[in-house]
C-alpha atoms as a PDB file:
ATOM      1  CA  MET A   1       0.187   0.099  -0.199  1.00  0.00           C
ATOM      2  CA  GLY A   2       1.387   3.458  -1.305  1.00  0.00           C
ATOM      3  CA  LYS A   3       1.495   6.779   0.924  1.00  0.00           C
ATOM      4  CA  THR A   4      -1.883   8.576   1.371  1.00  0.00           C
ATOM      5  CA  LEU A   5      -1.868  11.739  -0.461  1.00  0.00           C
ATOM      6  CA  THR A   6      -2.587  14.386   2.208  1.00  0.00           C
ATOM      7  CA  LYS A   7      -3.708  18.306   1.473  1.00  0.00           C
ATOM      8  CA  ALA A   8      -0.781  19.568   2.653  1.00  0.00           C
ATOM      9  CA  ASP A   9       0.725  17.012  -0.346  1.00  0.00           C
ATOM     10  CA  ILE A  10      -1.658  18.954  -2.556  1.00  0.00           C
ATOM     11  CA  VAL A  11      -0.310  22.027  -1.251  1.00  0.00           C
ATOM     12  CA  ASP A  12       3.150  21.202  -1.576  1.00  0.00           C
ATOM     13  CA  SER A  13       2.720  19.990  -4.947  1.00  0.00           C
ATOM     14  CA  ILE A  14       1.190  22.807  -6.621  1.00  0.00           C
ATOM     15  CA  TYR A  15       3.619  25.427  -4.523  1.00  0.00           C
ATOM     16  CA  GLU A  16       6.793  23.695  -6.371  1.00  0.00           C
ATOM     17  CA  LYS A  17       5.025  24.456  -9.447  1.00  0.00           C
ATOM     18  CA  SER A  18       3.689  27.979  -9.336  1.00  0.00           C
ATOM     19  CA  ASP A  19       5.055  31.234  -8.820  1.00  0.00           C
ATOM     20  CA  ARG A  20       2.646  32.198  -5.667  1.00  0.00           C
ATOM     21  CA  ASN A  21       3.445  31.807  -2.190  1.00  0.00           C
ATOM     22  CA  ARG A  22       2.168  29.210  -0.065  1.00  0.00           C
ATOM     23  CA  ALA A  23      -0.412  30.665   1.916  1.00  0.00           C
ATOM     24  CA  GLU A  24      -2.124  31.493  -1.607  1.00  0.00           C
ATOM     25  CA  VAL A  25      -1.917  28.173  -2.898  1.00  0.00           C
ATOM     26  CA  LYS A  26      -3.356  26.579   0.756  1.00  0.00           C
ATOM     27  CA  ALA A  27      -6.249  28.929   0.123  1.00  0.00           C
ATOM     28  CA  GLN A  28      -7.306  28.251  -2.966  1.00  0.00           C
ATOM     29  CA  VAL A  29      -7.154  24.369  -2.476  1.00  0.00           C
ATOM     30  CA  GLU A  30      -9.130  24.946   0.919  1.00  0.00           C
ATOM     31  CA  SER A  31     -11.469  27.112  -1.764  1.00  0.00           C
ATOM     32  CA  LEU A  32     -11.991  24.333  -3.750  1.00  0.00           C
ATOM     33  CA  LEU A  33     -12.676  21.795  -1.467  1.00  0.00           C
ATOM     34  CA  GLU A  34     -15.439  23.663   0.067  1.00  0.00           C
ATOM     35  CA  ILE A  35     -16.672  24.378  -3.721  1.00  0.00           C
ATOM     36  CA  MET A  36     -17.009  20.691  -3.935  1.00  0.00           C
ATOM     37  CA  LYS A  37     -18.500  19.773  -0.422  1.00  0.00           C
ATOM     38  CA  GLN A  38     -21.050  22.647  -1.016  1.00  0.00           C
ATOM     39  CA  SER A  39     -21.895  20.846  -4.706  1.00  0.00           C
ATOM     40  CA  VAL A  40     -22.379  17.467  -3.108  1.00  0.00           C
ATOM     41  CA  LYS A  41     -24.347  18.771  -0.217  1.00  0.00           C
ATOM     42  CA  LYS A  42     -26.446  21.052  -2.612  1.00  0.00           C
ATOM     43  CA  ASP A  43     -26.879  19.095  -5.833  1.00  0.00           C
ATOM     44  CA  HIS A  44     -25.955  15.487  -4.352  1.00  0.00           C
ATOM     45  CA  ALA A  45     -23.574  15.444  -7.208  1.00  0.00           C
ATOM     46  CA  LEU A  46     -20.332  16.563  -8.127  1.00  0.00           C
ATOM     47  CA  LEU A  47     -18.606  15.249 -11.823  1.00  0.00           C
ATOM     48  CA  VAL A  48     -14.703  15.648 -12.471  1.00  0.00           C
ATOM     49  CA  SER A  49     -14.700  15.516 -16.486  1.00  0.00           C
ATOM     50  CA  GLY A  50     -12.160  12.543 -17.034  1.00  0.00           C
ATOM     51  CA  PHE A  51     -11.806  11.901 -13.077  1.00  0.00           C
ATOM     52  CA  GLY A  52     -15.315  10.701 -11.709  1.00  0.00           C
ATOM     53  CA  LYS A  53     -18.447  11.471 -10.014  1.00  0.00           C
ATOM     54  CA  PHE A  54     -19.040  11.802  -6.255  1.00  0.00           C
ATOM     55  CA  GLU A  55     -22.793  11.256  -5.512  1.00  0.00           C
ATOM     56  CA  ALA A  56     -24.931  11.848  -2.146  1.00  0.00           C
ATOM     57  CA  TYR A  57     -27.751   9.785  -1.418  1.00  0.00           C
ATOM     58  CA  ASP A  58     -29.769   8.857   1.590  1.00  0.00           C
ATOM     59  CA  LYS A  59     -29.935   5.816   3.312  1.00  0.00           C
ATOM     60  CA  ARG A  60     -33.149   4.902   4.835  1.00  0.00           C
ATOM     61  CA  ALA A  61     -33.298   3.656   8.933  1.00  0.00           C
ATOM     62  CA  ARG A  62     -32.243  -0.016   9.146  1.00  0.00           C
ATOM     63  CA  LYS A  63     -31.891  -2.485  11.994  1.00  0.00           C
ATOM     64  CA  GLY A  64     -28.797  -3.091  13.251  1.00  0.00           C
ATOM     65  CA  ARG A  65     -27.156  -5.362  15.902  1.00  0.00           C
ATOM     66  CA  ASN A  66     -24.443  -3.853  19.048  1.00  0.00           C
ATOM     67  CA  PRO A  67     -21.680  -6.308  18.732  1.00  0.00           C
ATOM     68  CA  GLN A  68     -21.186  -5.858  22.450  1.00  0.00           C
ATOM     69  CA  THR A  69     -24.415  -6.705  24.230  1.00  0.00           C
ATOM     70  CA  ASN A  70     -25.868  -8.256  20.778  1.00  0.00           C
ATOM     71  CA  GLN A  71     -28.887  -6.457  21.185  1.00  0.00           C
ATOM     72  CA  SER A  72     -31.092  -5.213  18.393  1.00  0.00           C
ATOM     73  CA  ILE A  73     -30.873  -1.608  17.573  1.00  0.00           C
ATOM     74  CA  THR A  74     -32.441   0.746  14.950  1.00  0.00           C
ATOM     75  CA  LEU A  75     -29.756   2.510  12.752  1.00  0.00           C
ATOM     76  CA  PRO A  76     -30.875   6.137  11.965  1.00  0.00           C
ATOM     77  CA  PRO A  77     -30.972   7.480   8.426  1.00  0.00           C
ATOM     78  CA  ARG A  78     -28.412   9.238   7.034  1.00  0.00           C
ATOM     79  CA  LYS A  79     -26.686  10.331   4.067  1.00  0.00           C
ATOM     80  CA  VAL A  80     -23.633   8.447   2.034  1.00  0.00           C
ATOM     81  CA  VAL A  81     -21.113   9.640  -0.525  1.00  0.00           C
ATOM     82  CA  VAL A  82     -19.885   7.433  -3.193  1.00  0.00           C
ATOM     83  CA  PHE A  83     -17.563   7.778  -5.589  1.00  0.00           C
ATOM     84  CA  ARG A  84     -17.553   6.201  -9.243  1.00  0.00           C
ATOM     85  CA  LEU A  85     -14.680   6.309 -11.745  1.00  0.00           C
ATOM     86  CA  SER A  86     -14.826   7.521 -15.045  1.00  0.00           C
ATOM     87  CA  ARG A  87     -14.887   5.416 -17.834  1.00  0.00           C
ATOM     88  CA  LYS A  88     -11.449   7.220 -19.038  1.00  0.00           C
ATOM     89  CA  PHE A  89      -9.594   7.129 -15.601  1.00  0.00           C
ATOM     90  CA  ARG A  90     -10.632   3.191 -15.469  1.00  0.00           C
ATOM     91  CA  ALA A  91      -8.987   2.577 -18.439  1.00  0.00           C
ATOM     92  CA  GLU A  92      -5.649   4.128 -17.415  1.00  0.00           C
ATOM     93  CA  LEU A  93      -5.839   2.382 -13.911  1.00  0.00           C
ATOM     94  CA  ASN A  94      -6.769  -1.105 -15.806  1.00  0.00           C
ATOM     95  CA  PRO A  95      -4.881  -1.054 -19.109  1.00  0.00           C
ATOM     96  CA  GLN A  96      -5.377  -3.876 -21.493  1.00  0.00           C
END
């Protein structure tokens, strides 16, 4: 398993390739991520061409079990976000 790419790594990578200072790059990355979060919250979908699509959907309440006590519980409804790769990116990951 490789190293996980962090937000700080993204900022550093962009900083090295640009003529802006680190604070400006960090603000731009934060702004981009905030736009992405708001899009998923509001529209329930975010499409990045050539990369993939983030989609949020509602899960209904369901029965569950507390593994410590084996007691039956009802899990509340919640929102879940899934990511689906674009065909183009999938083809890059899995060359034939």
